[in-house]
Every structure is written in C-alpha cells, then in structure tokens.
Amino acid sequence: MSNTVQHRYDFVFFFDVTDGNPNGDPDAGNLPRIDPETNQGLVTDVCLKRKVRNYVTEMKGEEAGYKIYVRERSVLNSQHREAYKALELDPKAKELPKEEAKARELTRWMCNNFFDIRAFGAVMTTEVNAGQVRGPLQLTFARSIDPVVPAEFAITRCAVTNDRDLEKERTIGRKFTVPYGLYRCYGFLNASLAERTGFSEDDLMLFKSALNEMFDVDRSAARGLMSPVRCIAFRHEKKTGDARADELFSKVSVALKPEVALENRPPRTRRDYTIQLAGEVPEGITVQEWILNSPTD
C-alpha cells in the first residue's frame, strides 16, 4: 500500500434505480425506504457501505490488507483473537492490554488487515476487546431528487415445499419497486483520520473503483437496474480543508430538464435531469470526476 491520503475530500455521488427496490425496509414489509413527509426515496449509508465491502471482497478476496471485517456470518471476537495471536498477546475479557503501546499496536493490526476498518472505522470493544477506530471515510443517507411512488405487484409461486401441499392453491407474495429514482449521497474523507488508520492512496483508488462498479457485483432481480451516474469530488489542498463542505455542495445543482417539466410527466431516466457544477470554487479546491464515462448533460 502507498502513502496515506494527504488531502481532504468532499464528494457528491449520484446513482439511479429503474424498476427496482434499492433498499427495502424490513420493518415495513421490505417496502422501499421513503421520507414520509416528502415521499423522497432513501438509501441508508449502511446499504452503500455494504456494496463497497462486497466489491472489495470480489476484487481482492483474502489478499493481505484487504480482508473485510463486517461480512456475512463473521464472528467478530474470532477476528479480534487473530490480532492477539499475531502479536502474541493474551486477551482479557472486555479489556485492552494495559500497556498503551500494545493497545495501539493491536488496533493498528486490525486497521492494517481489514479494509473496511481502515476506511469506515469500527467499534471493536466486544468480549475480546480490540479497541475503537474512527474511520476517515463517511457517507450520508442517499435521498432521491424527486418523490418516488413505490409500485406493488402480486407474484405467485408455482412450486410447493412439501408433498402434502400439492393440491393447495399456489402461494401469493408481494414485490415492491421504484419505477425510477435519481439518488444523491454526500461523502467525506478526512485526511487526519486517514493518517491514523493508514487509509492510503491505493485504498482511495479502490474506493473510486467501487463507486463505478459496485452495483455490477451486487445484482439481484429485486434491485432492478442500479447504476452510478456521476460523482463530483472536491479535493482540498489543506488537510483541514479550504472551504466548508456545505459551501461546496451548494455549487452542485440538479434539475429536471425543461421539456420534462413542460410535458408534466415524472422522470424515468437520468437523461431527464441536468447535473451541473455552477460558479467558481474557492482557492485551494480542485474539482475531480470520479465516475468514468459519465453521460454528458
């Protein structure tokens, strides 16, 4: 891995979904998540981080330094024991080693070996205590630009589970989709925290690749067509930043194209929108595009 990231970044990530459920809510029968007051669609930060983790697993497998800490059916205490074993330490219930240097070494081992700890941080204060890490890379909830109206469909299953059910009526279920939604998410990369966790330029390149390709390694019929649209990143010259994030984000505007508004119809494709970066950016800020082959407006 190369040197740690030395610059702060703030970025706006756009993605869309067509005829799919981008993030079902288990507390609402797996309905697409929405803001109940505005009917804008929502996708949680946890959902997006899961896709990044899945992409890293697909690309890196068990390569040293790129294991995934939060993965399906993983036992967190067992992973903490790996760190104790590697450093020849004896774990004590819920306690870090008394020597501060040993405790730091333990947490550093976890950062060095697990990409998602290095990127997103982790609370590892379980029965086998490996410390706590504040991650440099953070994402917000994604919110659709316009309200979405989830569609509900009845589906049937033609097969049965048991012989005794052969003569029964077929099972009827429900499927929910969003006809179309363009979603916007905000992200932040803190260079000072990157230095503490060891989040490197190579890690940043991998994350950029994930934004471009993570939907392709996470396909399912339920999610329909999900695709990256655009990611506008603001690179700061100073570690602490050269401008406030909200000031930079306000320069990125999204609007329905006039012909769509005149036709008085709901948006059904990314080409119904215009995404623009308007105005001069403050001194010390460099604008980058992180999505490859982004369609022009």
Protein backbone atom coordinates (compact mmCIF):
# COMPACT_ATOMS: atom_id res chain seq x y z
CA MET A 1 0.00 0.00 0.00
CA SER A 2 1.19 3.52 -0.82
CA ASN A 3 1.35 6.59 1.40
CA THR A 4 -1.69 7.64 3.36
CA VAL A 5 -4.10 10.15 1.85
CA GLN A 6 -2.83 13.68 2.49
CA HIS A 7 -5.80 15.72 1.25
CA ARG A 8 -9.34 16.18 2.47
CA TYR A 9 -12.11 15.31 0.02
CA ASP A 10 -15.82 16.12 -0.03
CA PHE A 11 -17.89 14.50 -2.76
CA VAL A 12 -21.40 14.21 -4.16
CA PHE A 13 -22.35 10.77 -5.52
CA PHE A 14 -25.36 10.27 -7.80
CA PHE A 15 -26.81 6.89 -8.71
CA ASP A 16 -30.16 5.76 -10.07
CA VAL A 17 -32.53 2.81 -9.95
CA THR A 18 -35.04 1.65 -12.56
CA ASP A 19 -37.82 -0.80 -11.69
CA GLY A 20 -36.15 -1.97 -8.52
CA ASN A 21 -36.04 -1.69 -4.76
CA PRO A 22 -32.71 -0.05 -3.88
CA ASN A 23 -33.00 -0.53 -0.11
CA GLY A 24 -36.02 -2.31 1.38
CA ASP A 25 -37.16 -1.59 4.93
CA PRO A 26 -37.60 -4.86 6.92
CA ASP A 27 -39.81 -3.04 9.43
CA ALA A 28 -42.25 -2.15 6.61
CA GLY A 29 -42.57 -5.44 4.75
CA ASN A 30 -39.49 -4.60 2.63
CA LEU A 31 -41.09 -1.53 1.09
CA PRO A 32 -38.58 0.90 -0.46
CA ARG A 33 -37.47 3.37 2.19
CA ILE A 34 -39.04 6.80 1.85
CA ASP A 35 -39.23 10.06 3.77
CA PRO A 36 -42.86 10.00 5.00
CA GLU A 37 -43.20 13.79 4.73
CA THR A 38 -41.78 14.33 1.23
CA ASN A 39 -42.03 10.83 -0.31
CA GLN A 40 -38.41 11.12 -1.42
CA GLY A 41 -36.68 7.75 -1.61
CA LEU A 42 -33.95 6.92 0.89
CA VAL A 43 -30.98 4.54 0.81
CA THR A 44 -29.02 4.14 4.04
CA ASP A 45 -25.29 4.71 4.36
CA VAL A 46 -25.02 1.15 5.69
CA CYS A 47 -26.51 -0.20 2.45
CA LEU A 48 -23.96 1.69 0.34
CA LYS A 49 -21.05 0.63 2.56
CA ARG A 50 -22.21 -2.98 2.23
CA LYS A 51 -21.91 -2.70 -1.55
CA VAL A 52 -18.41 -1.25 -1.20
CA ARG A 53 -17.43 -4.14 1.10
CA ASN A 54 -18.86 -6.70 -1.34
CA TYR A 55 -16.93 -5.12 -4.19
CA VAL A 56 -13.64 -5.21 -2.26
CA THR A 57 -14.25 -8.88 -1.41
CA GLU A 58 -14.93 -9.64 -5.07
CA MET A 59 -11.81 -7.82 -6.27
CA LYS A 60 -9.35 -8.66 -3.51
CA GLY A 61 -10.60 -11.89 -1.93
CA GLU A 62 -8.37 -12.78 1.02
CA GLU A 63 -5.44 -10.65 -0.18
CA ALA A 64 -3.36 -9.37 2.71
CA GLY A 65 -4.54 -5.98 3.90
CA TYR A 66 -7.94 -6.22 2.21
CA LYS A 67 -9.97 -8.55 4.38
CA ILE A 68 -13.47 -7.40 5.31
CA TYR A 69 -14.33 -7.14 8.99
CA VAL A 70 -18.12 -6.79 8.74
CA ARG A 71 -19.16 -9.64 6.47
CA GLU A 72 -21.92 -12.23 6.41
CA ARG A 73 -21.68 -14.86 9.18
CA SER A 74 -18.42 -13.46 10.53
CA VAL A 75 -17.63 -13.86 14.23
CA LEU A 76 -16.13 -10.58 15.38
CA ASN A 77 -14.47 -11.94 18.52
CA SER A 78 -12.70 -14.57 16.44
CA GLN A 79 -11.26 -11.86 14.23
CA HIS A 80 -10.09 -9.95 17.29
CA ARG A 81 -8.35 -13.10 18.55
CA GLU A 82 -6.39 -13.22 15.29
CA ALA A 83 -4.84 -9.87 16.21
CA TYR A 84 -3.97 -11.03 19.74
CA LYS A 85 -2.45 -14.22 18.36
CA ALA A 86 -0.40 -12.38 15.72
CA LEU A 87 1.01 -10.04 18.37
CA GLU A 88 1.47 -12.84 20.94
CA LEU A 89 -0.89 -11.22 23.44
CA ASP A 90 -3.35 -12.85 25.83
CA PRO A 91 -6.87 -11.37 25.65
CA LYS A 92 -8.67 -10.48 28.88
CA ALA A 93 -12.45 -10.17 28.94
CA LYS A 94 -13.52 -6.75 27.63
CA GLU A 95 -10.13 -5.20 28.37
CA LEU A 96 -7.38 -3.84 26.15
CA PRO A 97 -3.76 -4.57 27.06
CA LYS A 98 -2.67 -2.35 29.95
CA GLU A 99 0.38 -1.10 28.07
CA GLU A 100 -0.80 1.75 25.86
CA ALA A 101 1.74 0.87 23.16
CA LYS A 102 0.44 -2.71 22.99
CA ALA A 103 -3.16 -1.49 22.80
CA ARG A 104 -2.29 0.85 19.93
CA GLU A 105 -0.39 -1.93 18.16
CA LEU A 106 -3.45 -4.19 18.46
CA THR A 107 -5.77 -1.62 16.91
CA ARG A 108 -3.20 -0.82 14.22
CA TRP A 109 -3.04 -4.53 13.31
CA MET A 110 -6.80 -4.51 12.74
CA CYS A 111 -6.53 -1.41 10.54
CA ASN A 112 -3.68 -2.87 8.52
CA ASN A 113 -5.50 -6.12 7.83
CA PHE A 114 -9.13 -5.02 7.28
CA PHE A 115 -10.02 -2.56 4.54
CA ASP A 116 -13.39 -1.56 5.98
CA ILE A 117 -11.90 -0.77 9.40
CA ARG A 118 -9.23 1.35 7.72
CA ALA A 119 -11.91 3.14 5.68
CA PHE A 120 -15.09 3.29 7.76
CA GLY A 121 -13.83 2.62 11.27
CA ALA A 122 -15.24 0.12 13.77
CA VAL A 123 -16.25 -0.30 17.40
CA MET A 124 -14.37 -3.43 18.48
CA THR A 125 -14.99 -3.20 22.24
CA THR A 126 -16.61 -6.63 22.49
CA GLU A 127 -15.74 -9.56 24.79
CA VAL A 128 -12.34 -9.74 23.06
CA ASN A 129 -11.51 -6.04 23.02
CA ALA A 130 -9.58 -4.71 20.03
CA GLY A 131 -10.27 -1.02 20.60
CA GLN A 132 -12.22 1.55 18.65
CA VAL A 133 -11.41 3.22 15.33
CA ARG A 134 -12.93 6.37 13.89
CA GLY A 135 -12.95 5.93 10.12
CA PRO A 136 -11.83 8.68 7.73
CA LEU A 137 -14.39 7.83 5.03
CA GLN A 138 -18.03 8.58 5.78
CA LEU A 139 -21.23 8.57 3.72
CA THR A 140 -24.65 10.08 4.35
CA PHE A 141 -28.05 8.58 3.55
CA ALA A 142 -28.85 8.89 -0.13
CA ARG A 143 -32.05 10.78 -0.97
CA SER A 144 -33.92 10.82 -4.29
CA ILE A 145 -34.07 14.15 -6.09
CA ASP A 146 -37.84 13.87 -6.62
CA PRO A 147 -40.56 11.97 -4.76
CA VAL A 148 -40.92 8.31 -5.67
CA VAL A 149 -44.14 6.31 -5.74
CA PRO A 150 -43.39 2.64 -4.96
CA ALA A 151 -45.31 0.18 -7.14
CA GLU A 152 -46.69 -3.03 -5.63
CA PHE A 153 -47.06 -6.25 -7.62
CA ALA A 154 -48.57 -9.62 -6.76
CA ILE A 155 -46.36 -12.59 -7.58
CA THR A 156 -47.13 -16.31 -7.40
CA ARG A 157 -45.00 -19.37 -6.74
CA CYS A 158 -45.86 -22.40 -8.89
CA ALA A 159 -43.85 -24.87 -6.78
CA VAL A 160 -44.63 -26.13 -3.29
CA THR A 161 -42.32 -27.13 -0.45
CA ASN A 162 -43.94 -30.41 0.68
CA ASP A 163 -45.89 -33.25 -0.98
CA ARG A 164 -48.87 -32.61 1.29
CA ASP A 165 -49.25 -29.14 -0.22
CA LEU A 166 -49.62 -30.34 -3.84
CA GLU A 167 -53.35 -29.69 -4.00
CA LYS A 168 -53.29 -26.35 -2.24
CA GLU A 169 -53.53 -23.02 -4.00
CA ARG A 170 -50.23 -21.52 -5.01
CA THR A 171 -48.56 -19.03 -2.70
CA ILE A 172 -49.09 -15.36 -3.49
CA GLY A 173 -46.47 -12.83 -2.47
CA ARG A 174 -45.72 -9.14 -2.96
CA LYS A 175 -42.93 -7.33 -4.74
CA PHE A 176 -42.23 -3.61 -4.47
CA THR A 177 -40.31 -1.45 -6.91
CA VAL A 178 -39.45 2.17 -7.57
CA PRO A 179 -40.23 2.94 -11.26
CA TYR A 180 -37.33 5.38 -11.37
CA GLY A 181 -35.29 7.39 -8.92
CA LEU A 182 -32.13 9.50 -9.12
CA TYR A 183 -30.45 9.48 -5.71
CA ARG A 184 -27.87 11.86 -4.24
CA CYS A 185 -25.43 10.93 -1.45
CA TYR A 186 -22.72 13.02 0.20
CA GLY A 187 -19.32 11.69 1.24
CA PHE A 188 -16.35 12.92 3.24
CA LEU A 189 -12.73 11.83 3.52
CA ASN A 190 -10.79 13.18 6.49
CA ALA A 191 -7.03 13.21 5.83
CA SER A 192 -6.07 13.43 9.51
CA LEU A 193 -8.08 10.31 10.34
CA ALA A 194 -6.72 8.60 7.21
CA GLU A 195 -3.23 9.06 8.63
CA ARG A 196 -4.29 7.40 11.88
CA THR A 197 -5.90 4.36 10.25
CA GLY A 198 -3.46 4.05 7.34
CA PHE A 199 -6.06 4.71 4.63
CA SER A 200 -3.84 5.05 1.57
CA GLU A 201 -3.96 6.44 -1.96
CA ASP A 202 -4.31 2.82 -3.13
CA ASP A 203 -7.33 2.44 -0.83
CA LEU A 204 -8.82 5.60 -2.30
CA MET A 205 -8.36 4.26 -5.83
CA LEU A 206 -10.11 1.04 -4.78
CA PHE A 207 -12.98 3.05 -3.31
CA LYS A 208 -13.33 5.04 -6.54
CA SER A 209 -13.46 1.77 -8.47
CA ALA A 210 -16.16 0.56 -6.08
CA LEU A 211 -18.32 3.61 -6.81
CA ASN A 212 -18.01 2.82 -10.52
CA GLU A 213 -18.55 -0.94 -10.36
CA MET A 214 -20.15 -1.98 -7.05
CA PHE A 215 -23.66 -2.23 -8.49
CA ASP A 216 -22.40 -4.71 -11.09
CA VAL A 217 -21.23 -7.17 -8.43
CA ASP A 218 -24.43 -6.77 -6.41
CA ARG A 219 -27.12 -7.54 -8.97
CA SER A 220 -30.44 -9.08 -7.98
CA ALA A 221 -33.91 -9.18 -9.53
CA ALA A 222 -35.27 -7.19 -6.58
CA ARG A 223 -32.90 -4.28 -7.13
CA GLY A 224 -33.74 -3.78 -10.79
CA LEU A 225 -31.19 -1.70 -12.69
CA MET A 226 -28.96 0.31 -10.37
CA SER A 227 -26.13 2.33 -11.90
CA PRO A 228 -23.68 5.09 -10.96
CA VAL A 229 -24.48 8.40 -12.65
CA ARG A 230 -21.91 10.93 -11.51
CA CYS A 231 -19.54 11.69 -8.64
CA ILE A 232 -18.21 15.22 -8.25
CA ALA A 233 -15.35 15.39 -5.76
CA PHE A 234 -13.73 18.45 -4.20
CA ARG A 235 -10.06 17.96 -3.31
CA HIS A 236 -8.71 20.33 -0.66
CA GLU A 237 -5.09 21.41 -0.63
CA LYS A 238 -5.03 21.63 3.15
CA LYS A 239 -5.59 18.61 5.38
CA THR A 240 -8.11 20.58 7.40
CA GLY A 241 -9.83 21.88 4.27
CA ASP A 242 -10.00 25.10 2.28
CA ALA A 243 -13.79 25.58 2.38
CA ARG A 244 -16.85 24.24 4.18
CA ALA A 245 -18.43 21.13 2.69
CA ASP A 246 -21.91 22.68 2.53
CA GLU A 247 -20.49 25.65 0.60
CA LEU A 248 -19.02 23.29 -1.99
CA PHE A 249 -22.09 21.05 -2.19
CA SER A 250 -24.30 24.08 -2.85
CA LYS A 251 -22.47 24.55 -6.15
CA VAL A 252 -23.80 21.20 -7.44
CA SER A 253 -27.34 21.61 -8.77
CA VAL A 254 -29.80 19.05 -10.12
CA ALA A 255 -32.89 19.98 -12.09
CA LEU A 256 -35.45 18.40 -14.37
CA LYS A 257 -34.93 19.37 -17.97
CA PRO A 258 -37.47 21.95 -19.23
CA GLU A 259 -39.08 19.55 -21.71
CA VAL A 260 -39.86 17.07 -18.93
CA ALA A 261 -41.48 19.79 -16.85
CA LEU A 262 -43.47 21.02 -19.87
CA GLU A 263 -44.74 17.51 -20.55
CA ASN A 264 -45.81 17.30 -16.91
CA ARG A 265 -44.57 13.74 -16.57
CA PRO A 266 -42.45 12.02 -13.91
CA PRO A 267 -38.76 11.42 -14.64
CA ARG A 268 -37.98 7.96 -15.94
CA THR A 269 -34.31 8.21 -16.92
CA ARG A 270 -31.14 10.05 -15.90
CA ARG A 271 -31.39 11.97 -19.18
CA ASP A 272 -34.45 13.72 -17.77
CA TYR A 273 -32.11 15.57 -15.39
CA THR A 274 -29.31 18.09 -15.67
CA ILE A 275 -26.50 17.88 -13.11
CA GLN A 276 -24.32 20.98 -13.10
CA LEU A 277 -21.40 22.44 -11.20
CA ALA A 278 -22.04 26.18 -11.15
CA GLY A 279 -19.76 29.05 -10.20
CA GLU A 280 -16.13 29.37 -9.17
CA VAL A 281 -14.74 27.11 -6.49
CA PRO A 282 -12.70 28.62 -3.62
CA GLU A 283 -8.93 28.83 -3.82
CA GLY A 284 -7.22 25.59 -2.86
CA ILE A 285 -10.05 23.42 -4.22
CA THR A 286 -9.65 21.10 -7.22
CA VAL A 287 -12.72 19.51 -8.82
CA GLN A 288 -12.50 15.86 -9.86
CA GLU A 289 -14.89 13.48 -11.61
CA TRP A 290 -14.81 10.01 -10.02
CA ILE A 291 -17.29 8.22 -12.29
CA LEU A 292 -15.84 7.02 -15.60
CA ASN A 293 -17.69 7.71 -18.86
CA SER A 294 -20.27 9.81 -17.06
CA PRO A 295 -23.04 10.79 -19.52
CA THR A 296 -22.99 14.43 -20.54
CA ASP A 297 -26.00 16.60 -19.77
